[in-house]
């Protein structure tokens, strides 16, 4: 997934449609992981594994929350291209 993060780092140089697609795919990936992890059965799983599973879930949820709350910050980055060209 670091390729998507790399592309988002250079958002101001990307075509708006491409940037939207990268963002949407990245967000969908993490939303799917949250859904999968929330559906896992904890029965019989050792405490250490449950802890790490919860840590992973917290990470994925944080990514989804951050991306959702800061969507405009990224997707407005492409608007700087037009300003720079003038």
Protein backbone atom coordinates (compact mmCIF):
# COMPACT_ATOMS: atom_id res chain seq x y z
CA UNK A 1 0.00 0.00 0.00
CA UNK A 2 3.01 2.30 0.16
CA UNK A 3 2.65 2.99 -3.58
CA UNK A 4 -0.66 4.73 -2.85
CA UNK A 5 0.89 6.73 0.00
CA UNK A 6 3.71 7.73 -2.36
CA UNK A 7 1.22 8.93 -4.96
CA UNK A 8 -0.77 10.85 -2.35
CA UNK A 9 2.47 12.49 -1.18
CA UNK A 10 2.77 14.02 -4.65
CA UNK A 11 -0.95 14.78 -4.97
CA UNK A 12 -0.42 18.22 -6.46
CA UNK A 13 1.17 16.63 -9.53
CA UNK A 14 -1.57 14.08 -10.20
CA UNK A 15 -4.58 14.35 -12.44
CA UNK A 16 -7.65 14.92 -10.25
CA UNK A 17 -9.43 11.77 -11.50
CA UNK A 18 -6.34 9.65 -10.84
CA UNK A 19 -5.94 11.15 -7.38
CA UNK A 20 -9.60 10.44 -6.58
CA UNK A 21 -9.18 6.84 -7.72
CA UNK A 22 -6.03 6.37 -5.62
CA UNK A 23 -7.78 7.84 -2.58
CA UNK A 24 -10.95 5.80 -3.05
CA UNK A 25 -9.04 2.54 -3.54
CA UNK A 26 -6.84 3.16 -0.50
CA UNK A 27 -9.82 3.99 1.71
CA UNK A 28 -11.77 0.97 0.43
CA UNK A 29 -8.81 -1.29 1.24
CA UNK A 30 -8.73 -0.16 4.88
CA UNK A 31 -12.51 -0.22 5.27
CA UNK A 32 -12.50 -3.82 4.04
CA UNK A 33 -9.80 -4.74 6.56
CA UNK A 34 -11.84 -3.21 9.39
CA UNK A 35 -14.89 -5.20 8.32
CA UNK A 36 -12.92 -8.45 8.11
CA UNK A 37 -11.27 -7.96 11.49
CA UNK A 38 -14.53 -7.05 13.18
CA UNK A 39 -16.02 -10.28 11.89
CA UNK A 40 -13.30 -12.55 13.28
CA UNK A 41 -14.31 -14.97 16.02
CA UNK A 42 -12.27 -14.40 19.19
CA UNK A 43 -13.19 -17.75 20.73
CA UNK A 44 -10.15 -19.86 21.53
CA UNK A 45 -7.66 -17.21 20.40
CA UNK A 46 -4.82 -16.60 22.89
CA UNK A 47 -4.75 -13.23 24.63
CA UNK A 48 -1.58 -12.10 22.89
CA UNK A 49 -3.09 -12.68 19.48
CA UNK A 50 -6.29 -10.93 20.50
CA UNK A 51 -4.21 -7.98 21.65
CA UNK A 52 -2.35 -7.76 18.35
CA UNK A 53 -5.58 -8.21 16.41
CA UNK A 54 -7.09 -5.33 18.39
CA UNK A 55 -4.01 -3.23 17.75
CA UNK A 56 -4.31 -3.87 14.02
CA UNK A 57 -8.02 -3.06 14.10
CA UNK A 58 -7.32 0.20 15.94
CA UNK A 59 -4.73 1.11 13.30
CA UNK A 60 -7.07 0.36 10.40
CA UNK A 61 -9.92 2.28 12.05
CA UNK A 62 -7.61 5.25 12.63
CA UNK A 63 -6.61 5.28 8.96
CA UNK A 64 -10.27 5.22 7.88
CA UNK A 65 -11.17 7.99 10.32
CA UNK A 66 -8.23 10.18 9.31
CA UNK A 67 -8.84 9.72 5.60
CA UNK A 68 -12.55 10.43 5.95
CA UNK A 69 -12.05 13.54 8.08
CA UNK A 70 -9.24 14.93 5.91
CA UNK A 71 -10.47 14.03 2.43
CA UNK A 72 -10.62 17.66 1.30
CA UNK A 73 -7.05 18.30 2.43
CA UNK A 74 -5.78 15.73 -0.06
CA UNK A 75 -8.26 16.08 -2.88
CA UNK A 76 -7.93 19.86 -3.00
CA UNK A 77 -4.17 19.47 -3.47
CA UNK A 78 -4.66 19.05 -7.21
CA UNK A 79 -6.26 22.49 -7.43
CA UNK A 80 -2.85 24.03 -6.80
CA UNK A 81 -1.72 22.82 -10.24
CA UNK A 82 -3.88 25.35 -12.04
CA UNK A 83 -2.71 28.18 -9.77
CA UNK A 84 0.94 27.29 -10.33
CA UNK A 85 0.51 27.30 -14.11
CA UNK A 86 -0.82 30.87 -14.17
